[in-house]
């Protein structure tokens, strides 16, 4: 529910929103449902961006700074992902990683690419281990790959990136 003068950006295709007063809902994905409960409420449905890297950046509202975007990963307390597998990778702040077998066309999930999310909390869908951390990774646009009609629209593949720092679940840098 959105009341009075609130503005909500809806990123989930499963969302159902009721708008009251002068509230506004911006539907960022198709499938979301918004209903006006007031004649002053507004529903905005921007045209869907293409399923490209540029479209993904635009659709998810990811900032681009100096030719790089900030993606997020959820990693273990020891900065690792895919522990105990051939794809095990360590992501400490300051590290620069490049995938040794870059193959993004092999599918949305699985080996051949690193995965990042547009917001740290979207990574919760892929890891749920107590003690995990979130990291911010700077990635060049040309090192990213988006899929046509993805099952996980907030996830994207990348070939290489620089781990910047640890963040909280909402993307705020954690300073020690």
Foldseek 3Di string as FASTA:
>chain_A
DAEADEEEEDDDLCAEEEYYHQYEYEDLDHNHHYDYPDPNYYYHYPPQAFQWLVSLCVSLVFDADPQWTKFKAKAALQQWDPPPDPPIDHAAAFDKDFAPQADCVVDPDDDRFDKTFRFLLLNCVPDDDPRIWMWIWIAGSVQWGGDGPDPSSRMTTGGMTHTHATAHRGRHGDDD
